[in-house]
Amino acid sequence: MANKSSKAPAKPDQSSRYVNVWDPLSSFRREFDRLFDDFTAVSGQRPGSILSAEPFGRSEFGLGQLPAVDIVEHDKDYQVTAELPGMGEKDIDVKFADGVLTIKGEKKEESEEQQKDYYRSERRFGAFQRSFSVPDGIDGDKIEANVKDGVLTVLLPKSSEAQKREKKIQIKKG
């Protein structure tokens, strides 16, 4: 026969009633962690691991990395400046079509060292592409680009009509 014991029913724990309370910060944190986990799963890297180190610093263009770019408007032109350390004119491609300026580049670096008791071989590479919509009134035939000391400068001259269209508006005290 089964032994019946008489136990009192369990009382709910006082802390258990707070389990279902909505906490927006905790929810945000879980979502943020999930996104970060998804990103690191795609890249195959764990945060803080030696695999996530960037051999070229900001200059290595890998997953999710783009070179720093400044865009400045002057009276007669627009100037686009991109930081591309270690890259020369043979590594960079600049195109202008249908009102879009595209800067594209690829960096490849190989080094090899052999001594009596060791051999070291390293290969690093990365590519990037950035495109910018350019305002109407650019004289596409006169666009110039040059690179010096790892800094690309692209000058987009405004057409004479575009320069005339701009009008300074006087502000009156009111």
Protein backbone atom coordinates (compact mmCIF):
# COMPACT_ATOMS: atom_id res chain seq x y z
CA MET A 1 0.00 0.00 0.00
CA ALA A 2 1.04 3.50 -0.64
CA ASN A 3 2.14 5.50 2.34
CA LYS A 4 0.18 8.69 2.51
CA SER A 5 1.88 11.52 4.25
CA SER A 6 0.14 14.64 5.26
CA LYS A 7 2.17 17.63 4.23
CA ALA A 8 0.97 21.15 4.22
CA PRO A 9 0.68 22.74 0.74
CA ALA A 10 3.68 24.85 -0.25
CA LYS A 11 3.31 28.58 0.18
CA PRO A 12 4.40 30.78 -2.69
CA ASP A 13 7.73 32.47 -2.12
CA GLN A 14 7.43 36.21 -1.55
CA SER A 15 10.13 36.96 -4.18
CA SER A 16 8.35 34.96 -6.90
CA ARG A 17 5.68 37.59 -7.46
CA TYR A 18 8.31 40.00 -8.87
CA VAL A 19 9.51 37.57 -11.54
CA ASN A 20 6.92 38.68 -14.10
CA VAL A 21 7.46 42.42 -13.61
CA TRP A 22 8.50 44.10 -16.88
CA ASP A 23 11.89 45.77 -16.63
CA PRO A 24 12.68 47.82 -19.76
CA LEU A 25 16.40 48.11 -19.02
CA SER A 26 16.79 44.36 -18.59
CA SER A 27 14.86 43.80 -21.80
CA PHE A 28 17.11 46.27 -23.64
CA ARG A 29 20.21 44.59 -22.21
CA ARG A 30 19.06 41.14 -23.36
CA GLU A 31 18.35 42.44 -26.88
CA PHE A 32 21.70 44.24 -27.03
CA ASP A 33 23.55 41.10 -25.86
CA ARG A 34 21.67 39.01 -28.45
CA LEU A 35 22.66 41.42 -31.26
CA PHE A 36 26.27 41.42 -30.13
CA ASP A 37 26.29 37.61 -29.94
CA ASP A 38 24.82 37.43 -33.47
CA PHE A 39 27.50 39.79 -34.81
CA THR A 40 30.39 37.91 -33.22
CA ALA A 41 28.95 34.60 -34.47
CA VAL A 42 28.98 35.95 -38.04
CA SER A 43 32.53 37.26 -37.78
CA GLY A 44 33.78 34.13 -36.05
CA GLN A 45 35.42 36.20 -33.35
CA ARG A 46 34.91 36.45 -29.65
CA PRO A 47 35.20 39.85 -27.99
CA GLY A 48 38.57 40.25 -26.35
CA SER A 49 40.09 37.27 -28.10
CA ILE A 50 43.36 37.57 -29.95
CA LEU A 51 41.45 36.85 -33.16
CA SER A 52 39.60 40.15 -32.82
CA ALA A 53 42.82 42.19 -32.71
CA GLU A 54 43.21 44.56 -35.66
CA PRO A 55 46.70 44.24 -37.14
CA PHE A 56 46.38 47.48 -39.10
CA GLY A 57 44.31 49.34 -36.48
CA ARG A 58 41.60 51.44 -38.16
CA SER A 59 43.36 51.14 -41.48
CA GLU A 60 42.51 47.46 -41.97
CA PHE A 61 39.20 47.38 -43.75
CA GLY A 62 37.42 44.25 -42.69
CA LEU A 63 33.94 43.33 -41.58
CA GLY A 64 32.07 46.49 -40.65
CA GLN A 65 35.07 48.80 -40.94
CA LEU A 66 35.31 51.82 -43.21
CA PRO A 67 37.94 54.52 -43.51
CA ALA A 68 37.31 57.87 -41.81
CA VAL A 69 36.05 60.47 -44.31
CA ASP A 70 35.59 64.24 -44.07
CA ILE A 71 33.41 66.18 -46.51
CA VAL A 72 33.72 69.96 -46.66
CA GLU A 73 31.87 72.44 -48.87
CA HIS A 74 33.78 75.48 -50.13
CA ASP A 75 32.55 78.33 -52.31
CA LYS A 76 33.78 76.73 -55.52
CA ASP A 77 33.95 73.01 -54.72
CA TYR A 78 33.37 70.13 -52.36
CA GLN A 79 36.38 68.40 -50.83
CA VAL A 80 36.27 64.76 -49.76
CA THR A 81 39.20 63.56 -47.65
CA ALA A 82 39.64 59.89 -46.71
CA GLU A 83 42.27 58.41 -44.38
CA LEU A 84 43.84 55.41 -46.11
CA PRO A 85 47.12 54.68 -44.28
CA GLY A 86 49.60 52.61 -46.22
CA MET A 87 47.64 52.84 -49.46
CA GLY A 88 48.83 54.41 -52.71
CA GLU A 89 47.20 55.33 -56.00
CA LYS A 90 47.45 51.74 -57.29
CA ASP A 91 45.36 50.51 -54.30
CA ILE A 92 42.52 53.03 -54.69
CA ASP A 93 39.76 53.42 -57.29
CA VAL A 94 37.64 56.60 -57.48
CA LYS A 95 34.56 56.78 -59.76
CA PHE A 96 31.81 59.32 -60.37
CA ALA A 97 28.60 58.24 -62.11
CA ASP A 98 24.95 59.34 -61.94
CA GLY A 99 25.58 61.79 -59.11
CA VAL A 100 27.38 59.21 -56.93
CA LEU A 101 31.04 59.36 -55.91
CA THR A 102 32.47 55.92 -55.10
CA ILE A 103 35.79 55.36 -53.35
CA LYS A 104 36.99 51.78 -53.36
CA GLY A 105 40.25 50.26 -52.19
CA GLU A 106 42.06 47.13 -51.22
CA LYS A 107 45.14 46.75 -49.08
CA LYS A 108 47.37 43.69 -49.25
CA GLU A 109 50.44 43.21 -47.13
CA GLU A 110 52.72 40.22 -46.95
CA SER A 111 55.87 39.84 -44.93
CA GLU A 112 58.24 36.94 -44.56
CA GLU A 113 61.22 36.51 -42.29
CA GLN A 114 63.48 33.49 -42.03
CA GLN A 115 66.24 33.05 -39.49
CA LYS A 116 68.30 30.09 -38.41
CA ASP A 117 65.84 28.94 -35.73
CA TYR A 118 62.47 30.28 -36.96
CA TYR A 119 60.34 31.20 -39.94
CA ARG A 120 57.61 33.89 -39.83
CA SER A 121 55.14 34.61 -42.62
CA GLU A 122 52.22 37.06 -42.30
CA ARG A 123 49.50 38.08 -44.71
CA ARG A 124 47.03 40.88 -44.06
CA PHE A 125 44.41 42.23 -46.38
CA GLY A 126 41.20 44.18 -46.35
CA ALA A 127 38.90 45.96 -48.77
CA PHE A 128 36.34 48.74 -48.52
CA GLN A 129 33.90 50.67 -50.66
CA ARG A 130 32.11 53.90 -49.78
CA SER A 131 29.63 55.77 -51.95
CA PHE A 132 28.32 59.30 -51.51
CA SER A 133 25.41 61.06 -53.21
CA VAL A 134 26.71 64.32 -54.63
CA PRO A 135 24.50 67.43 -54.98
CA ASP A 136 23.51 68.63 -58.45
CA GLY A 137 25.78 71.17 -60.05
CA ILE A 138 29.08 69.27 -59.95
CA ASP A 139 31.29 69.58 -63.02
CA GLY A 140 32.07 65.88 -63.46
CA ASP A 141 34.75 66.48 -66.11
CA LYS A 142 36.90 68.50 -63.70
CA ILE A 143 36.92 66.18 -60.68
CA GLU A 144 40.44 65.63 -59.34
CA ALA A 145 41.81 63.05 -56.93
CA ASN A 146 45.24 62.66 -55.37
CA VAL A 147 46.77 60.67 -52.55
CA LYS A 148 49.67 61.73 -50.37
CA ASP A 149 50.95 60.08 -47.19
CA GLY A 150 47.89 57.82 -46.97
CA VAL A 151 45.35 60.64 -47.31
CA LEU A 152 43.10 60.68 -50.38
CA THR A 153 41.70 64.08 -51.40
CA VAL A 154 38.95 64.34 -54.02
CA LEU A 155 37.95 67.80 -55.29
CA LEU A 156 34.48 68.08 -56.83
CA PRO A 157 34.27 71.53 -58.46
CA LYS A 158 30.88 73.24 -58.60
CA SER A 159 29.70 74.37 -62.01
CA SER A 160 29.51 78.13 -62.55
CA GLU A 161 25.67 77.89 -62.56
CA ALA A 162 25.71 76.10 -59.18
CA GLN A 163 27.98 78.79 -57.73
CA LYS A 164 25.60 81.53 -58.91
CA ARG A 165 22.49 79.81 -57.48
CA GLU A 166 23.69 80.24 -53.92
CA LYS A 167 22.40 83.41 -52.32
CA LYS A 168 23.17 84.75 -48.85
CA ILE A 169 19.99 85.64 -46.96
CA GLN A 170 20.15 88.63 -44.63
CA ILE A 171 18.81 87.97 -41.14
CA LYS A 172 16.87 90.84 -39.62
CA LYS A 173 16.27 91.48 -35.98
CA GLY A 174 12.70 90.99 -35.37
